[in-house]
Amino acid sequence: MKDPIAINALQSVDLNWTMHIRSVWQNMTDDVDGLHRDERQEIFANLKKLKDFPQVQSPLGIVIIGEGGSGKTHLVGITRQYALTNGLNFILVDMTDVRDFWETVLQGYISSLQEDANDGRTQFQLRDLIVHLVSLTGKSVSSEIMADLPVNSLRNAIRQTLNALAQINRALPVWLCCFKRKYPRQQTS
């Protein structure tokens, strides 16, 4: 027996209401300030300290656990948005299906560095990192050229950059960490 009212009601329900991990990289259009208020305030306070006193603070790593639908992904998305808006980097390591911890962490870094900005800049964190590392060598190479290289050519360019860094006769404060950008963001036109 088919009940048209029941069928219409079921068809109108959004059964895809939870956020998916990919949505972390999009700015939140719907935010509930009260959702995880204490955790949010603590995270934002720690990020502010990290930005204001980078020499004192360690990179911030946060583990977020909870039941499905409890707002974990929303909290991570709001944290990403806050970090990037405030001149910090953001690395997402998805630990939902871990076979090898360090491989998962590496994949999280690589994936996060390749994400595009909401304003259309492609691979903006990777480009900023490349510009910073190349600047430490005293050389001038376009981050756009390096970021757009095929994989093998990019590996060679990175190897050359790292070799040039190793040749420098002083200790360099190269910090590759979760949130703090220790170098100025490059303006693109």
Protein backbone atom coordinates (compact mmCIF):
# COMPACT_ATOMS: atom_id res chain seq x y z
CA MET A 1 0.00 0.00 0.00
CA LYS A 2 1.37 3.37 -1.01
CA ASP A 3 0.63 6.39 1.13
CA PRO A 4 1.39 9.51 -0.99
CA ILE A 5 1.65 11.74 2.08
CA ALA A 6 4.21 9.43 3.73
CA ILE A 7 6.17 9.12 0.47
CA ASN A 8 6.20 12.93 0.03
CA ALA A 9 7.30 13.37 3.64
CA LEU A 10 10.19 10.91 3.23
CA GLN A 11 11.26 12.50 -0.05
CA SER A 12 11.42 15.93 1.57
CA VAL A 13 13.69 14.81 4.42
CA ASP A 14 17.41 15.54 4.06
CA LEU A 15 19.01 12.28 5.17
CA ASN A 16 22.45 13.63 4.34
CA TRP A 17 22.53 16.14 7.19
CA THR A 18 25.90 15.30 8.69
CA MET A 19 29.03 17.08 7.55
CA HIS A 20 31.62 15.10 5.66
CA ILE A 21 35.36 15.43 6.21
CA ARG A 22 35.84 17.23 2.85
CA SER A 23 33.49 19.99 4.07
CA VAL A 24 36.17 21.06 6.56
CA TRP A 25 37.87 22.89 3.69
CA GLN A 26 34.81 25.05 2.92
CA ASN A 27 33.87 28.08 5.00
CA MET A 28 30.97 27.35 7.32
CA THR A 29 27.79 29.08 6.22
CA ASP A 30 25.79 27.77 9.17
CA ASP A 31 27.46 28.04 12.54
CA VAL A 32 25.99 27.44 15.96
CA ASP A 33 28.14 29.48 18.36
CA GLY A 34 26.96 27.45 21.33
CA LEU A 35 28.02 24.13 19.81
CA HIS A 36 31.17 23.06 21.70
CA ARG A 37 31.46 26.58 23.18
CA ASP A 38 34.06 25.68 25.84
CA GLU A 39 36.19 23.60 23.46
CA ARG A 40 36.00 26.30 20.80
CA GLN A 41 37.08 29.03 23.23
CA GLU A 42 40.00 26.90 24.45
CA ILE A 43 41.16 26.07 20.91
CA PHE A 44 40.87 29.68 19.73
CA ALA A 45 42.73 30.95 22.83
CA ASN A 46 45.55 28.46 22.18
CA LEU A 47 45.71 29.47 18.51
CA LYS A 48 45.87 33.14 19.49
CA LYS A 49 48.75 32.42 21.89
CA LEU A 50 50.49 30.43 19.17
CA LYS A 51 50.20 33.37 16.79
CA ASP A 52 51.14 36.05 19.35
CA PHE A 53 54.06 34.17 20.94
CA PRO A 54 55.42 31.73 18.32
CA GLN A 55 58.80 31.27 20.01
CA VAL A 56 57.19 30.04 23.23
CA GLN A 57 54.43 27.84 21.86
CA SER A 58 54.69 24.41 20.32
CA PRO A 59 52.68 23.51 17.25
CA LEU A 60 49.15 22.77 18.26
CA GLY A 61 47.82 19.29 17.69
CA ILE A 62 44.27 18.56 18.70
CA VAL A 63 42.52 15.20 18.90
CA ILE A 64 38.76 15.44 18.55
CA ILE A 65 36.68 12.37 19.32
CA GLY A 66 32.95 11.83 19.77
CA GLU A 67 29.85 10.05 18.63
CA GLY A 68 28.64 10.36 15.06
CA GLY A 69 26.66 13.58 14.56
CA SER A 70 28.03 15.27 17.70
CA GLY A 71 29.64 18.15 15.78
CA LYS A 72 33.28 17.02 15.48
CA THR A 73 33.58 17.91 11.80
CA HIS A 74 31.84 21.23 12.39
CA LEU A 75 34.32 22.07 15.15
CA VAL A 76 37.26 21.12 12.92
CA GLY A 77 35.85 23.26 10.08
CA ILE A 78 35.38 26.28 12.34
CA THR A 79 38.92 25.76 13.68
CA ARG A 80 40.31 25.66 10.12
CA GLN A 81 38.43 28.81 9.23
CA TYR A 82 39.69 30.61 12.36
CA ALA A 83 43.29 29.47 11.83
CA LEU A 84 43.49 30.52 8.18
CA THR A 85 41.67 33.80 8.80
CA ASN A 86 44.23 34.62 11.48
CA GLY A 87 47.35 33.92 9.41
CA LEU A 88 47.97 30.41 10.69
CA ASN A 89 48.30 27.22 8.72
CA PHE A 90 45.97 24.28 9.14
CA ILE A 91 46.79 20.61 8.68
CA LEU A 92 44.03 18.01 8.85
CA VAL A 93 44.98 14.43 9.64
CA ASP A 94 41.97 12.14 9.27
CA MET A 95 42.51 9.21 11.64
CA THR A 96 39.31 7.32 10.82
CA ASP A 97 41.03 4.48 8.95
CA VAL A 98 44.61 4.23 10.20
CA ARG A 99 46.81 1.34 9.18
CA ASP A 100 50.14 3.13 9.62
CA PHE A 101 50.17 6.16 11.94
CA TRP A 102 53.08 8.06 10.36
CA GLU A 103 51.92 7.35 6.82
CA THR A 104 48.50 8.74 7.78
CA VAL A 105 50.09 11.87 9.29
CA LEU A 106 52.23 12.36 6.17
CA GLN A 107 49.19 11.95 3.93
CA GLY A 108 47.34 14.51 6.06
CA TYR A 109 50.14 17.03 5.59
CA ILE A 110 50.39 16.45 1.86
CA SER A 111 46.63 16.62 1.34
CA SER A 112 46.28 19.75 3.46
CA LEU A 113 49.11 21.54 1.67
CA GLN A 114 47.40 20.84 -1.65
CA GLU A 115 44.02 22.27 -0.66
CA ASP A 116 42.80 25.36 -2.47
CA ALA A 117 41.78 28.51 -0.64
CA ASN A 118 38.14 29.56 -0.64
CA ASP A 119 39.13 32.70 -2.56
CA GLY A 120 40.34 30.59 -5.49
CA ARG A 121 44.08 30.52 -4.78
CA THR A 122 45.32 27.03 -5.60
CA GLN A 123 47.51 25.13 -3.16
CA PHE A 124 48.07 28.31 -1.15
CA GLN A 125 49.71 26.66 1.89
CA LEU A 126 52.08 24.67 -0.35
CA ARG A 127 52.97 27.79 -2.34
CA ASP A 128 53.66 29.76 0.86
CA LEU A 129 55.85 26.95 2.19
CA ILE A 130 57.80 26.72 -1.08
CA VAL A 131 58.36 30.48 -1.15
CA HIS A 132 59.62 30.37 2.43
CA LEU A 133 61.99 27.44 1.90
CA VAL A 134 63.37 28.84 -1.35
CA SER A 135 63.87 32.26 0.27
CA LEU A 136 66.05 30.63 2.93
CA THR A 137 68.44 29.46 0.19
CA GLY A 138 68.85 32.99 -1.16
CA LYS A 139 67.56 31.87 -4.54
CA SER A 140 64.61 33.24 -6.44
CA VAL A 141 62.18 30.70 -7.82
CA SER A 142 58.51 31.20 -8.53
CA SER A 143 56.28 29.19 -6.21
CA GLU A 144 53.72 29.01 -9.01
CA ILE A 145 56.24 27.32 -11.28
CA MET A 146 57.32 24.87 -8.57
CA ALA A 147 53.79 24.08 -7.40
CA ASP A 148 52.69 23.33 -10.96
CA LEU A 149 55.61 21.00 -11.75
CA PRO A 150 54.93 17.33 -12.51
CA VAL A 151 55.57 15.07 -9.52
CA ASN A 152 59.07 13.88 -10.54
CA SER A 153 60.23 17.40 -11.40
CA LEU A 154 58.79 18.72 -8.14
CA ARG A 155 60.67 16.03 -6.19
CA ASN A 156 63.91 17.10 -7.90
CA ALA A 157 63.22 20.78 -7.21
CA ILE A 158 62.48 20.02 -3.56
CA ARG A 159 65.63 17.89 -3.30
CA GLN A 160 67.69 20.77 -4.78
CA THR A 161 66.09 23.24 -2.36
CA LEU A 162 66.77 20.99 0.62
CA ASN A 163 70.38 20.46 -0.53
CA ALA A 164 70.80 24.23 -0.82
CA LEU A 165 69.38 24.62 2.71
CA ALA A 166 71.82 21.99 4.00
CA GLN A 167 74.73 23.97 2.51
CA ILE A 168 73.93 27.10 4.49
CA ASN A 169 76.48 27.54 7.27
CA ARG A 170 74.08 28.45 10.03
CA ALA A 171 71.20 26.93 11.91
CA LEU A 172 67.94 27.84 10.24
CA PRO A 173 64.69 28.12 12.14
CA VAL A 174 62.60 26.16 9.66
CA TRP A 175 59.40 25.28 11.40
CA LEU A 176 57.04 22.99 9.58
CA CYS A 177 54.27 22.62 12.06
CA CYS A 178 50.55 22.21 12.33
CA PHE A 179 49.39 25.77 12.66
CA LYS A 180 52.00 28.49 12.91
CA ARG A 181 53.20 30.14 9.74
CA LYS A 182 56.68 31.47 10.60
CA TYR A 183 56.95 33.35 7.33
CA PRO A 184 54.97 36.19 5.78
CA ARG A 185 52.09 35.27 3.48
CA GLN A 186 52.94 36.15 -0.09
CA GLN A 187 50.51 38.50 -1.81
CA THR A 188 49.37 37.33 -5.22
CA SER A 189 47.86 39.57 -7.84
